[in-house]
């Protein structure tokens, strides 16, 4: 029935020169917490909870790092799309630094 959970994933690339530092990690965790689905990020050696800024920071993802984002749950497709947009737009880092 409708209770079956979907699992979807996609590869993303960390595009910010400073890597996945505190500000984008916070944005990512805040976005992930908006969704019912479980959100996880994977690299070669780790799997972390995307809803936890501290766990996201433990990835120490530098510029150019490839990560897999997995979403599992009733709104997995929508959650993955929203998180993918953050990576596609480099978490709007250019907008955050232009006014300084």
N, C-alpha and C. Protein backbone atom coordinates (compact mmCIF):
# COMPACT_ATOMS: atom_id res chain seq x y z
N UNK A 1 0.83 -1.19 0.00
CA UNK A 1 0.00 0.00 0.00
C UNK A 1 0.88 1.26 0.00
N UNK A 2 0.37 2.35 0.55
CA UNK A 2 1.10 3.59 0.56
C UNK A 2 2.19 3.68 1.60
N UNK A 3 2.35 2.64 2.44
CA UNK A 3 3.33 2.71 3.52
C UNK A 3 4.72 2.25 3.09
N UNK A 4 4.86 1.76 1.88
CA UNK A 4 6.17 1.33 1.42
C UNK A 4 7.12 2.51 1.30
N UNK A 5 8.30 2.35 1.86
CA UNK A 5 9.25 3.45 1.81
C UNK A 5 10.10 3.35 0.57
N UNK A 6 10.30 4.48 -0.07
CA UNK A 6 11.19 4.55 -1.23
C UNK A 6 12.58 4.93 -0.76
N UNK A 7 13.59 4.41 -1.44
CA UNK A 7 14.96 4.84 -1.21
C UNK A 7 15.49 5.33 -2.53
N UNK A 8 15.96 6.56 -2.55
CA UNK A 8 16.53 7.14 -3.75
C UNK A 8 17.89 7.73 -3.38
N UNK A 9 18.76 7.83 -4.36
CA UNK A 9 20.07 8.40 -4.08
C UNK A 9 20.59 9.12 -5.31
N UNK A 10 21.54 9.99 -5.07
CA UNK A 10 22.23 10.66 -6.17
C UNK A 10 23.60 11.10 -5.69
N UNK A 11 24.49 11.24 -6.66
CA UNK A 11 25.82 11.73 -6.34
C UNK A 11 25.82 13.25 -6.41
N UNK A 12 26.50 13.85 -5.46
CA UNK A 12 26.69 15.30 -5.47
C UNK A 12 28.19 15.57 -5.33
N UNK A 13 28.59 16.75 -5.74
CA UNK A 13 29.99 17.16 -5.64
C UNK A 13 30.04 18.44 -4.82
N UNK A 14 30.93 18.46 -3.83
CA UNK A 14 31.12 19.66 -3.01
C UNK A 14 31.82 20.69 -3.89
N UNK A 15 31.14 21.79 -4.18
CA UNK A 15 31.68 22.78 -5.11
C UNK A 15 32.24 24.03 -4.47
N UNK A 16 32.03 24.20 -3.16
CA UNK A 16 32.50 25.40 -2.50
C UNK A 16 34.01 25.30 -2.26
N UNK A 17 34.76 26.37 -2.51
CA UNK A 17 36.22 26.33 -2.31
C UNK A 17 36.62 25.93 -0.89
N UNK A 18 35.81 26.32 0.10
CA UNK A 18 36.13 26.01 1.50
C UNK A 18 35.61 24.62 1.91
N UNK A 19 34.98 23.92 0.98
CA UNK A 19 34.43 22.60 1.31
C UNK A 19 33.10 22.72 2.05
N UNK A 20 32.67 21.60 2.59
CA UNK A 20 31.38 21.55 3.29
C UNK A 20 31.61 21.98 4.74
N UNK A 21 31.80 23.29 4.93
CA UNK A 21 32.11 23.85 6.25
C UNK A 21 30.83 24.13 7.02
N UNK A 22 30.93 24.85 8.13
CA UNK A 22 29.82 24.99 9.07
C UNK A 22 28.55 25.59 8.45
N UNK A 23 28.67 26.66 7.66
CA UNK A 23 27.46 27.30 7.13
C UNK A 23 26.67 26.37 6.19
N UNK A 24 27.32 25.78 5.17
CA UNK A 24 26.55 24.87 4.33
C UNK A 24 26.12 23.60 5.05
N UNK A 25 26.90 23.13 6.01
CA UNK A 25 26.49 21.95 6.77
C UNK A 25 25.21 22.26 7.56
N UNK A 26 25.13 23.49 8.10
CA UNK A 26 23.92 23.90 8.81
C UNK A 26 22.74 23.99 7.85
N UNK A 27 22.96 24.58 6.67
CA UNK A 27 21.88 24.66 5.68
C UNK A 27 21.39 23.27 5.30
N UNK A 28 22.33 22.35 5.09
CA UNK A 28 21.99 20.99 4.71
C UNK A 28 21.17 20.30 5.79
N UNK A 29 21.61 20.41 7.04
CA UNK A 29 20.90 19.77 8.15
C UNK A 29 19.50 20.37 8.33
N UNK A 30 19.41 21.69 8.19
CA UNK A 30 18.09 22.34 8.31
C UNK A 30 17.13 21.86 7.22
N UNK A 31 17.64 21.77 5.99
CA UNK A 31 16.80 21.28 4.88
C UNK A 31 16.40 19.84 5.13
N UNK A 32 17.34 19.02 5.54
CA UNK A 32 17.05 17.60 5.76
C UNK A 32 15.99 17.40 6.84
N UNK A 33 16.02 18.25 7.87
CA UNK A 33 15.04 18.11 8.96
C UNK A 33 13.62 18.50 8.55
N UNK A 34 13.46 19.15 7.41
CA UNK A 34 12.13 19.51 6.92
C UNK A 34 11.36 18.29 6.42
N UNK A 35 12.05 17.19 6.16
CA UNK A 35 11.45 16.03 5.51
C UNK A 35 11.30 14.88 6.49
N UNK A 36 10.26 14.06 6.27
CA UNK A 36 10.06 12.88 7.09
C UNK A 36 11.12 11.82 6.81
N UNK A 37 11.59 11.77 5.60
CA UNK A 37 12.52 10.72 5.19
C UNK A 37 13.84 10.80 5.94
N UNK A 38 14.48 9.64 6.06
CA UNK A 38 15.84 9.59 6.60
C UNK A 38 16.78 10.07 5.50
N UNK A 39 17.68 10.98 5.84
CA UNK A 39 18.63 11.54 4.88
C UNK A 39 20.02 11.15 5.36
N UNK A 40 20.78 10.49 4.49
CA UNK A 40 22.13 10.11 4.86
C UNK A 40 23.10 10.52 3.76
N UNK A 41 24.31 10.86 4.17
CA UNK A 41 25.39 11.19 3.23
C UNK A 41 26.47 10.14 3.38
N UNK A 42 27.01 9.71 2.25
CA UNK A 42 28.03 8.67 2.26
C UNK A 42 29.24 9.13 1.47
N UNK A 43 30.41 8.82 2.01
CA UNK A 43 31.63 8.93 1.23
C UNK A 43 32.27 7.54 1.21
N UNK A 44 33.52 7.44 0.89
CA UNK A 44 34.14 6.13 0.76
C UNK A 44 34.17 5.34 2.07
N UNK A 45 34.20 6.04 3.20
CA UNK A 45 34.40 5.36 4.48
C UNK A 45 33.34 5.64 5.52
N UNK A 46 32.45 6.60 5.29
CA UNK A 46 31.50 7.00 6.32
C UNK A 46 30.08 7.07 5.77
N UNK A 47 29.12 6.88 6.68
CA UNK A 47 27.70 7.11 6.43
C UNK A 47 27.22 7.95 7.60
N UNK A 48 26.70 9.16 7.32
CA UNK A 48 26.29 10.05 8.40
C UNK A 48 24.84 10.50 8.21
N UNK A 49 24.25 10.92 9.32
CA UNK A 49 22.88 11.44 9.34
C UNK A 49 22.89 12.86 8.81
N UNK A 50 22.21 13.09 7.70
CA UNK A 50 22.17 14.41 7.09
C UNK A 50 21.40 15.43 7.91
N UNK A 51 20.66 14.99 8.92
CA UNK A 51 19.91 15.91 9.77
C UNK A 51 20.74 16.43 10.94
N UNK A 52 21.97 15.94 11.06
CA UNK A 52 22.86 16.33 12.16
C UNK A 52 24.04 17.12 11.60
N UNK A 53 24.12 18.41 11.96
CA UNK A 53 25.23 19.24 11.47
C UNK A 53 26.57 18.66 11.92
N UNK A 54 26.63 18.16 13.15
CA UNK A 54 27.90 17.62 13.63
C UNK A 54 28.33 16.40 12.83
N UNK A 55 27.39 15.51 12.50
CA UNK A 55 27.75 14.35 11.70
C UNK A 55 28.17 14.75 10.29
N UNK A 56 27.47 15.73 9.71
CA UNK A 56 27.84 16.21 8.37
C UNK A 56 29.27 16.77 8.39
N UNK A 57 29.60 17.51 9.44
CA UNK A 57 30.94 18.09 9.54
C UNK A 57 32.02 17.01 9.67
N UNK A 58 31.68 15.85 10.26
CA UNK A 58 32.69 14.79 10.40
C UNK A 58 33.14 14.23 9.06
N UNK A 59 32.38 14.50 7.99
CA UNK A 59 32.81 14.06 6.66
C UNK A 59 34.07 14.79 6.20
N UNK A 60 34.29 15.99 6.74
CA UNK A 60 35.44 16.81 6.35
C UNK A 60 35.55 16.87 4.82
N UNK A 61 34.40 17.11 4.17
CA UNK A 61 34.33 17.09 2.71
C UNK A 61 34.92 18.36 2.12
N UNK A 62 36.06 18.22 1.45
CA UNK A 62 36.73 19.35 0.82
C UNK A 62 36.14 19.60 -0.56
N UNK A 63 36.52 20.70 -1.16
CA UNK A 63 36.07 21.02 -2.52
C UNK A 63 36.42 19.86 -3.44
N UNK A 64 35.46 19.48 -4.27
CA UNK A 64 35.67 18.40 -5.22
C UNK A 64 35.29 17.03 -4.69
N UNK A 65 34.99 16.91 -3.40
CA UNK A 65 34.60 15.63 -2.81
C UNK A 65 33.27 15.17 -3.40
N UNK A 66 33.22 13.91 -3.78
CA UNK A 66 31.98 13.31 -4.27
C UNK A 66 31.30 12.58 -3.11
N UNK A 67 30.02 12.89 -2.91
CA UNK A 67 29.23 12.25 -1.86
C UNK A 67 27.99 11.64 -2.49
N UNK A 68 27.47 10.63 -1.84
CA UNK A 68 26.17 10.08 -2.22
C UNK A 68 25.16 10.54 -1.17
N UNK A 69 24.06 11.11 -1.63
CA UNK A 69 22.97 11.48 -0.73
C UNK A 69 21.89 10.42 -0.91
N UNK A 70 21.50 9.80 0.20
CA UNK A 70 20.43 8.81 0.18
C UNK A 70 19.25 9.33 0.98
N UNK A 71 18.06 9.17 0.44
CA UNK A 71 16.84 9.54 1.14
C UNK A 71 15.93 8.31 1.15
N UNK A 72 15.42 7.99 2.34
CA UNK A 72 14.54 6.83 2.48
C UNK A 72 13.31 7.26 3.26
N UNK A 73 12.14 7.11 2.64
CA UNK A 73 10.91 7.47 3.32
C UNK A 73 9.83 7.91 2.36
N UNK A 74 8.72 8.38 2.92
CA UNK A 74 7.56 8.72 2.10
C UNK A 74 7.76 9.92 1.19
N UNK A 75 8.67 10.82 1.56
CA UNK A 75 8.92 12.02 0.74
C UNK A 75 10.36 12.04 0.23
N UNK A 76 10.92 10.85 0.01
CA UNK A 76 12.33 10.72 -0.36
C UNK A 76 12.67 11.46 -1.64
N UNK A 77 11.82 11.34 -2.65
CA UNK A 77 12.12 11.98 -3.94
C UNK A 77 12.19 13.50 -3.79
N UNK A 78 11.23 14.08 -3.07
CA UNK A 78 11.20 15.52 -2.89
C UNK A 78 12.38 15.99 -2.04
N UNK A 79 12.70 15.23 -1.00
CA UNK A 79 13.82 15.59 -0.13
C UNK A 79 15.13 15.56 -0.91
N UNK A 80 15.32 14.52 -1.71
CA UNK A 80 16.55 14.40 -2.48
C UNK A 80 16.68 15.54 -3.49
N UNK A 81 15.58 15.92 -4.09
CA UNK A 81 15.59 17.03 -5.05
C UNK A 81 16.00 18.33 -4.34
N UNK A 82 15.41 18.59 -3.18
CA UNK A 82 15.70 19.83 -2.45
C UNK A 82 17.17 19.88 -2.01
N UNK A 83 17.69 18.78 -1.54
CA UNK A 83 19.08 18.74 -1.10
C UNK A 83 20.02 18.83 -2.30
N UNK A 84 19.65 18.19 -3.39
CA UNK A 84 20.45 18.28 -4.61
C UNK A 84 20.57 19.71 -5.10
N UNK A 85 19.49 20.48 -4.97
CA UNK A 85 19.52 21.89 -5.39
C UNK A 85 20.53 22.67 -4.56
N UNK A 86 20.62 22.39 -3.25
CA UNK A 86 21.62 23.08 -2.42
C UNK A 86 23.02 22.85 -2.96
N UNK A 87 23.33 21.59 -3.29
CA UNK A 87 24.66 21.29 -3.84
C UNK A 87 24.84 21.91 -5.22
N UNK A 88 23.80 21.83 -6.06
CA UNK A 88 23.89 22.40 -7.41
C UNK A 88 24.17 23.89 -7.37
N UNK A 89 23.65 24.57 -6.37
CA UNK A 89 23.82 26.02 -6.24
C UNK A 89 24.98 26.37 -5.30
N UNK A 90 25.78 25.38 -4.93
CA UNK A 90 26.89 25.60 -3.99
C UNK A 90 26.43 26.32 -2.73
N UNK A 91 25.22 25.98 -2.28
CA UNK A 91 24.66 26.54 -1.05
C UNK A 91 24.64 28.07 -1.09
N UNK A 92 24.54 28.62 -2.31
CA UNK A 92 24.51 30.07 -2.51
C UNK A 92 25.70 30.77 -1.86
N UNK A 93 26.85 30.11 -1.84
CA UNK A 93 28.05 30.67 -1.20
C UNK A 93 28.48 31.99 -1.82
N UNK A 94 28.33 32.16 -3.14
CA UNK A 94 28.74 33.41 -3.76
C UNK A 94 27.91 34.58 -3.21
N UNK A 95 26.62 34.33 -3.01
CA UNK A 95 25.76 35.38 -2.47
C UNK A 95 26.16 35.75 -1.05
N UNK A 96 26.61 34.76 -0.28
CA UNK A 96 26.96 35.00 1.11
C UNK A 96 28.28 35.76 1.26
N UNK A 97 29.14 35.71 0.25
CA UNK A 97 30.46 36.34 0.40
C UNK A 97 30.59 37.64 -0.39
N UNK A 98 29.68 37.93 -1.31
CA UNK A 98 29.83 39.09 -2.16
C UNK A 98 29.73 40.40 -1.39
N UNK A 99 28.92 40.46 -0.36
CA UNK A 99 28.70 41.71 0.34
C UNK A 99 29.75 42.04 1.38
N UNK A 100 30.82 41.26 1.44
CA UNK A 100 31.83 41.49 2.48
C UNK A 100 32.97 42.31 2.00
